[in-house]
């Protein structure tokens, strides 16, 4: 494969927020808008880069594996000419964010999606999977403790139509 990396510096946006805040849905909508605008993008749910079970439970090791996987995937996308990266992950603290920023080595803007627990409950309670019920529990804990707050560049309420939220984010970060 030939190297089609553009002269333009790559940029990334990281959508964060508690479980059930709508990160994946907003990522999908941003991807749709970027496609309509014919901008070279990649969209990634970073959870999928560390969803495995090797018989041990170590959050730090899982995060390190996600970073290793992200490094390879971003390099592959860059060689294909991707300039805009739309990422999502529930970020607990600045150390997690700093490790992602260091790895990406590109402009990264962080947008925290904000939504109240009643809305999250409505979104997640009908999901029959055990994992989503666990996510609902942790959303309540994170909201009550303020986990993941204060590390973002922008806070965007996600209680409106998804297209409105996606275009607001794109306007905030200057991807027009």
C-alpha atoms as a PDB file:
ATOM      1  CA  UNK A   1       0.000   0.000   0.000  1.00  0.00           C
ATOM      2  CA  UNK A   2       1.339   3.422  -0.867  1.00  0.00           C
ATOM      3  CA  UNK A   3       1.687   6.149   1.738  1.00  0.00           C
ATOM      4  CA  UNK A   4      -1.176   8.566   1.186  1.00  0.00           C
ATOM      5  CA  UNK A   5      -0.615  10.660   4.299  1.00  0.00           C
ATOM      6  CA  UNK A   6      -1.518  14.285   3.617  1.00  0.00           C
ATOM      7  CA  UNK A   7       0.622  17.334   4.285  1.00  0.00           C
ATOM      8  CA  UNK A   8      -2.083  18.483   6.701  1.00  0.00           C
ATOM      9  CA  UNK A   9      -1.508  17.666  10.351  1.00  0.00           C
ATOM     10  CA  UNK A  10      -3.962  15.107  11.737  1.00  0.00           C
ATOM     11  CA  UNK A  11      -6.427  16.089  14.445  1.00  0.00           C
ATOM     12  CA  UNK A  12      -8.504  14.122  16.909  1.00  0.00           C
ATOM     13  CA  UNK A  13     -11.543  14.616  19.074  1.00  0.00           C
ATOM     14  CA  UNK A  14     -12.155  12.387  22.064  1.00  0.00           C
ATOM     15  CA  UNK A  15     -15.732  12.095  23.297  1.00  0.00           C
ATOM     16  CA  UNK A  16     -15.879  11.171  26.938  1.00  0.00           C
ATOM     17  CA  UNK A  17     -18.474  11.038  29.675  1.00  0.00           C
ATOM     18  CA  UNK A  18     -20.104   8.525  31.952  1.00  0.00           C
ATOM     19  CA  UNK A  19     -21.464   5.241  30.673  1.00  0.00           C
ATOM     20  CA  UNK A  20     -24.704   5.875  28.826  1.00  0.00           C
ATOM     21  CA  UNK A  21     -23.864   9.490  27.975  1.00  0.00           C
ATOM     22  CA  UNK A  22     -24.195   8.674  24.264  1.00  0.00           C
ATOM     23  CA  UNK A  23     -20.540   8.639  23.230  1.00  0.00           C
ATOM     24  CA  UNK A  24     -20.929   5.866  20.656  1.00  0.00           C
ATOM     25  CA  UNK A  25     -24.081   7.332  19.116  1.00  0.00           C
ATOM     26  CA  UNK A  26     -22.554  10.806  18.836  1.00  0.00           C
ATOM     27  CA  UNK A  27     -19.367   9.293  17.372  1.00  0.00           C
ATOM     28  CA  UNK A  28     -21.452   7.568  14.712  1.00  0.00           C
ATOM     29  CA  UNK A  29     -23.285  10.805  13.891  1.00  0.00           C
ATOM     30  CA  UNK A  30     -20.072  12.823  13.672  1.00  0.00           C
ATOM     31  CA  UNK A  31     -18.714  10.173  11.299  1.00  0.00           C
ATOM     32  CA  UNK A  32     -21.823  10.556   9.162  1.00  0.00           C
ATOM     33  CA  UNK A  33     -21.383  14.342   8.996  1.00  0.00           C
ATOM     34  CA  UNK A  34     -17.681  14.035   8.134  1.00  0.00           C
ATOM     35  CA  UNK A  35     -18.534  11.568   5.377  1.00  0.00           C
ATOM     36  CA  UNK A  36     -21.130  13.983   3.991  1.00  0.00           C
ATOM     37  CA  UNK A  37     -18.462  16.706   4.026  1.00  0.00           C
ATOM     38  CA  UNK A  38     -16.011  14.377   2.231  1.00  0.00           C
ATOM     39  CA  UNK A  39     -13.415  14.707   5.002  1.00  0.00           C
ATOM     40  CA  UNK A  40     -11.024  11.765   5.517  1.00  0.00           C
ATOM     41  CA  UNK A  41     -11.938  10.384   8.952  1.00  0.00           C
ATOM     42  CA  UNK A  42     -11.754   7.324  11.155  1.00  0.00           C
ATOM     43  CA  UNK A  43     -14.127   6.659  14.057  1.00  0.00           C
ATOM     44  CA  UNK A  44     -13.113   4.412  16.929  1.00  0.00           C
ATOM     45  CA  UNK A  45     -14.673   3.275  20.167  1.00  0.00           C
ATOM     46  CA  UNK A  46     -11.516   2.760  22.215  1.00  0.00           C
ATOM     47  CA  UNK A  47     -13.245   0.234  24.473  1.00  0.00           C
ATOM     48  CA  UNK A  48     -13.143  -2.208  21.570  1.00  0.00           C
ATOM     49  CA  UNK A  49      -9.333  -1.983  21.523  1.00  0.00           C
ATOM     50  CA  UNK A  50      -9.161  -3.419  25.029  1.00  0.00           C
ATOM     51  CA  UNK A  51     -12.169  -5.717  25.241  1.00  0.00           C
ATOM     52  CA  UNK A  52     -10.692  -9.096  26.016  1.00  0.00           C
ATOM     53  CA  UNK A  53     -10.272 -11.589  28.811  1.00  0.00           C
ATOM     54  CA  UNK A  54      -6.849 -13.112  29.298  1.00  0.00           C
ATOM     55  CA  UNK A  55      -7.660 -14.523  32.714  1.00  0.00           C
ATOM     56  CA  UNK A  56      -6.433 -11.524  34.704  1.00  0.00           C
ATOM     57  CA  UNK A  57      -8.087  -8.328  35.883  1.00  0.00           C
ATOM     58  CA  UNK A  58      -5.735  -5.361  35.712  1.00  0.00           C
ATOM     59  CA  UNK A  59      -7.132  -2.002  34.573  1.00  0.00           C
ATOM     60  CA  UNK A  60      -3.676  -0.519  34.027  1.00  0.00           C
ATOM     61  CA  UNK A  61      -2.570  -3.436  31.858  1.00  0.00           C
ATOM     62  CA  UNK A  62      -5.812  -3.238  29.863  1.00  0.00           C
ATOM     63  CA  UNK A  63      -5.235   0.478  29.283  1.00  0.00           C
ATOM     64  CA  UNK A  64      -1.656  -0.213  28.148  1.00  0.00           C
ATOM     65  CA  UNK A  65      -2.885  -2.828  25.675  1.00  0.00           C
ATOM     66  CA  UNK A  66      -5.490  -0.385  24.369  1.00  0.00           C
ATOM     67  CA  UNK A  67      -2.708   2.167  23.803  1.00  0.00           C
ATOM     68  CA  UNK A  68      -0.592  -0.386  21.917  1.00  0.00           C
ATOM     69  CA  UNK A  69      -3.550  -1.301  19.732  1.00  0.00           C
ATOM     70  CA  UNK A  70      -4.434   2.361  19.184  1.00  0.00           C
ATOM     71  CA  UNK A  71      -0.874   3.120  18.086  1.00  0.00           C
ATOM     72  CA  UNK A  72      -0.995   0.500  15.343  1.00  0.00           C
ATOM     73  CA  UNK A  73      -4.514   1.363  14.192  1.00  0.00           C
ATOM     74  CA  UNK A  74      -3.800   5.101  13.992  1.00  0.00           C
ATOM     75  CA  UNK A  75      -0.602   4.445  12.023  1.00  0.00           C
ATOM     76  CA  UNK A  76      -2.548   2.301   9.563  1.00  0.00           C
ATOM     77  CA  UNK A  77      -5.245   4.948   9.168  1.00  0.00           C
ATOM     78  CA  UNK A  78      -2.630   7.686   8.751  1.00  0.00           C
ATOM     79  CA  UNK A  79      -0.950   5.721   5.960  1.00  0.00           C
ATOM     80  CA  UNK A  80      -4.354   5.551   4.258  1.00  0.00           C
ATOM     81  CA  UNK A  81      -4.684   9.355   4.395  1.00  0.00           C
ATOM     82  CA  UNK A  82      -6.941   9.792   7.409  1.00  0.00           C
ATOM     83  CA  UNK A  83      -6.730  13.279   8.927  1.00  0.00           C
ATOM     84  CA  UNK A  84      -9.654  13.398  11.349  1.00  0.00           C
ATOM     85  CA  UNK A  85      -9.947  10.921  14.202  1.00  0.00           C
ATOM     86  CA  UNK A  86     -13.172  10.637  16.184  1.00  0.00           C
ATOM     87  CA  UNK A  87     -12.532   8.643  19.344  1.00  0.00           C
ATOM     88  CA  UNK A  88     -14.626   7.802  22.367  1.00  0.00           C
ATOM     89  CA  UNK A  89     -13.865   6.413  25.786  1.00  0.00           C
ATOM     90  CA  UNK A  90     -14.971   7.046  29.355  1.00  0.00           C
ATOM     91  CA  UNK A  91     -11.895   8.744  30.788  1.00  0.00           C
ATOM     92  CA  UNK A  92     -11.556   8.548  34.567  1.00  0.00           C
ATOM     93  CA  UNK A  93      -8.629  10.880  35.148  1.00  0.00           C
ATOM     94  CA  UNK A  94      -5.976  13.103  33.606  1.00  0.00           C
ATOM     95  CA  UNK A  95      -3.344  10.331  33.663  1.00  0.00           C
ATOM     96  CA  UNK A  96      -5.464   8.225  31.301  1.00  0.00           C
ATOM     97  CA  UNK A  97      -5.988  11.221  29.047  1.00  0.00           C
ATOM     98  CA  UNK A  98      -2.302  12.181  29.106  1.00  0.00           C
ATOM     99  CA  UNK A  99      -1.291   8.695  27.971  1.00  0.00           C
ATOM    100  CA  UNK A 100      -3.643   8.933  24.978  1.00  0.00           C
ATOM    101  CA  UNK A 101      -2.441  12.446  24.108  1.00  0.00           C
ATOM    102  CA  UNK A 102       1.199  11.345  24.236  1.00  0.00           C
ATOM    103  CA  UNK A 103       0.536   8.373  22.005  1.00  0.00           C
ATOM    104  CA  UNK A 104      -1.474  10.273  19.394  1.00  0.00           C
ATOM    105  CA  UNK A 105       1.030  13.113  19.046  1.00  0.00           C
ATOM    106  CA  UNK A 106      -1.576  15.281  17.305  1.00  0.00           C
ATOM    107  CA  UNK A 107      -4.002  17.988  18.315  1.00  0.00           C
ATOM    108  CA  UNK A 108      -6.592  16.345  20.550  1.00  0.00           C
ATOM    109  CA  UNK A 109      -9.683  18.107  21.810  1.00  0.00           C
ATOM    110  CA  UNK A 110     -11.710  16.469  24.551  1.00  0.00           C
ATOM    111  CA  UNK A 111     -15.476  16.835  24.666  1.00  0.00           C
ATOM    112  CA  UNK A 112     -17.340  15.557  27.684  1.00  0.00           C
ATOM    113  CA  UNK A 113     -20.945  14.667  26.960  1.00  0.00           C
ATOM    114  CA  UNK A 114     -23.146  15.666  29.847  1.00  0.00           C
ATOM    115  CA  UNK A 115     -26.438  13.986  30.657  1.00  0.00           C
ATOM    116  CA  UNK A 116     -28.389  13.414  33.848  1.00  0.00           C
ATOM    117  CA  UNK A 117     -28.856  10.057  35.538  1.00  0.00           C
ATOM    118  CA  UNK A 118     -32.580   9.918  34.726  1.00  0.00           C
ATOM    119  CA  UNK A 119     -31.788  10.106  30.999  1.00  0.00           C
ATOM    120  CA  UNK A 120     -29.021   7.534  31.310  1.00  0.00           C
ATOM    121  CA  UNK A 121     -31.364   5.230  33.223  1.00  0.00           C
ATOM    122  CA  UNK A 122     -33.977   5.557  30.495  1.00  0.00           C
ATOM    123  CA  UNK A 123     -31.335   4.744  27.866  1.00  0.00           C
ATOM    124  CA  UNK A 124     -29.805   1.761  29.637  1.00  0.00           C
ATOM    125  CA  UNK A 125     -32.509   0.121  31.727  1.00  0.00           C
ATOM    126  CA  UNK A 126     -34.182  -1.526  28.751  1.00  0.00           C
ATOM    127  CA  UNK A 127     -30.903  -3.110  27.596  1.00  0.00           C
ATOM    128  CA  UNK A 128     -31.066  -6.729  28.657  1.00  0.00           C
ATOM    129  CA  UNK A 129     -27.321  -7.297  28.768  1.00  0.00           C
ATOM    130  CA  UNK A 130     -25.672  -7.634  32.137  1.00  0.00           C
ATOM    131  CA  UNK A 131     -22.865  -5.311  31.044  1.00  0.00           C
ATOM    132  CA  UNK A 132     -25.239  -2.397  30.420  1.00  0.00           C
ATOM    133  CA  UNK A 133     -26.788  -2.856  33.854  1.00  0.00           C
ATOM    134  CA  UNK A 134     -23.300  -2.677  35.341  1.00  0.00           C
ATOM    135  CA  UNK A 135     -22.662   0.448  33.229  1.00  0.00           C
ATOM    136  CA  UNK A 136     -25.818   2.016  34.693  1.00  0.00           C
ATOM    137  CA  UNK A 137     -24.514   1.382  38.200  1.00  0.00           C
ATOM    138  CA  UNK A 138     -21.119   2.929  37.377  1.00  0.00           C
ATOM    139  CA  UNK A 139     -22.741   5.913  35.665  1.00  0.00           C
ATOM    140  CA  UNK A 140     -24.466   6.721  38.940  1.00  0.00           C
ATOM    141  CA  UNK A 141     -21.225   6.344  40.880  1.00  0.00           C
ATOM    142  CA  UNK A 142     -19.223   8.486  38.436  1.00  0.00           C
ATOM    143  CA  UNK A 143     -21.883  11.210  38.416  1.00  0.00           C
ATOM    144  CA  UNK A 144     -22.071  11.321  42.207  1.00  0.00           C
ATOM    145  CA  UNK A 145     -18.275  11.438  42.558  1.00  0.00           C
ATOM    146  CA  UNK A 146     -17.587  13.751  39.603  1.00  0.00           C
ATOM    147  CA  UNK A 147     -15.321  11.143  38.005  1.00  0.00           C
ATOM    148  CA  UNK A 148     -13.943  12.253  34.648  1.00  0.00           C
ATOM    149  CA  UNK A 149     -14.918  15.896  35.100  1.00  0.00           C
ATOM    150  CA  UNK A 150     -12.503  18.765  34.587  1.00  0.00           C
ATOM    151  CA  UNK A 151     -10.236  17.150  31.980  1.00  0.00           C
ATOM    152  CA  UNK A 152     -12.287  18.242  28.981  1.00  0.00           C
ATOM    153  CA  UNK A 153     -11.895  21.188  26.633  1.00  0.00           C
ATOM    154  CA  UNK A 154     -15.659  21.440  26.112  1.00  0.00           C
ATOM    155  CA  UNK A 155     -18.802  20.193  27.831  1.00  0.00           C
ATOM    156  CA  UNK A 156     -21.747  19.508  25.530  1.00  0.00           C
ATOM    157  CA  UNK A 157     -25.172  18.537  26.793  1.00  0.00           C
ATOM    158  CA  UNK A 158     -26.408  15.371  25.101  1.00  0.00           C
ATOM    159  CA  UNK A 159     -30.116  15.801  25.711  1.00  0.00           C
ATOM    160  CA  UNK A 160     -30.994  17.056  22.242  1.00  0.00           C
ATOM    161  CA  UNK A 161     -31.294  15.502  18.791  1.00  0.00           C
ATOM    162  CA  UNK A 162     -28.093  13.671  17.976  1.00  0.00           C
ATOM    163  CA  UNK A 163     -27.441  15.634  14.769  1.00  0.00           C
ATOM    164  CA  UNK A 164     -27.578  18.890  16.753  1.00  0.00           C
ATOM    165  CA  UNK A 165     -25.064  17.543  19.288  1.00  0.00           C
ATOM    166  CA  UNK A 166     -22.727  16.241  16.559  1.00  0.00           C
ATOM    167  CA  UNK A 167     -22.700  19.481  14.573  1.00  0.00           C
ATOM    168  CA  UNK A 168     -22.229  21.539  17.736  1.00  0.00           C
ATOM    169  CA  UNK A 169     -19.132  19.507  18.544  1.00  0.00           C
ATOM    170  CA  UNK A 170     -17.774  19.878  15.024  1.00  0.00           C
ATOM    171  CA  UNK A 171     -18.326  23.639  15.212  1.00  0.00           C
ATOM    172  CA  UNK A 172     -16.624  23.857  18.623  1.00  0.00           C
ATOM    173  CA  UNK A 173     -13.512  22.059  17.396  1.00  0.00           C
ATOM    174  CA  UNK A 174     -13.447  23.832  14.026  1.00  0.00           C
ATOM    175  CA  UNK A 175     -13.964  20.882  11.702  1.00  0.00           C
ATOM    176  CA  UNK A 176     -16.108  22.466   9.030  1.00  0.00           C
END
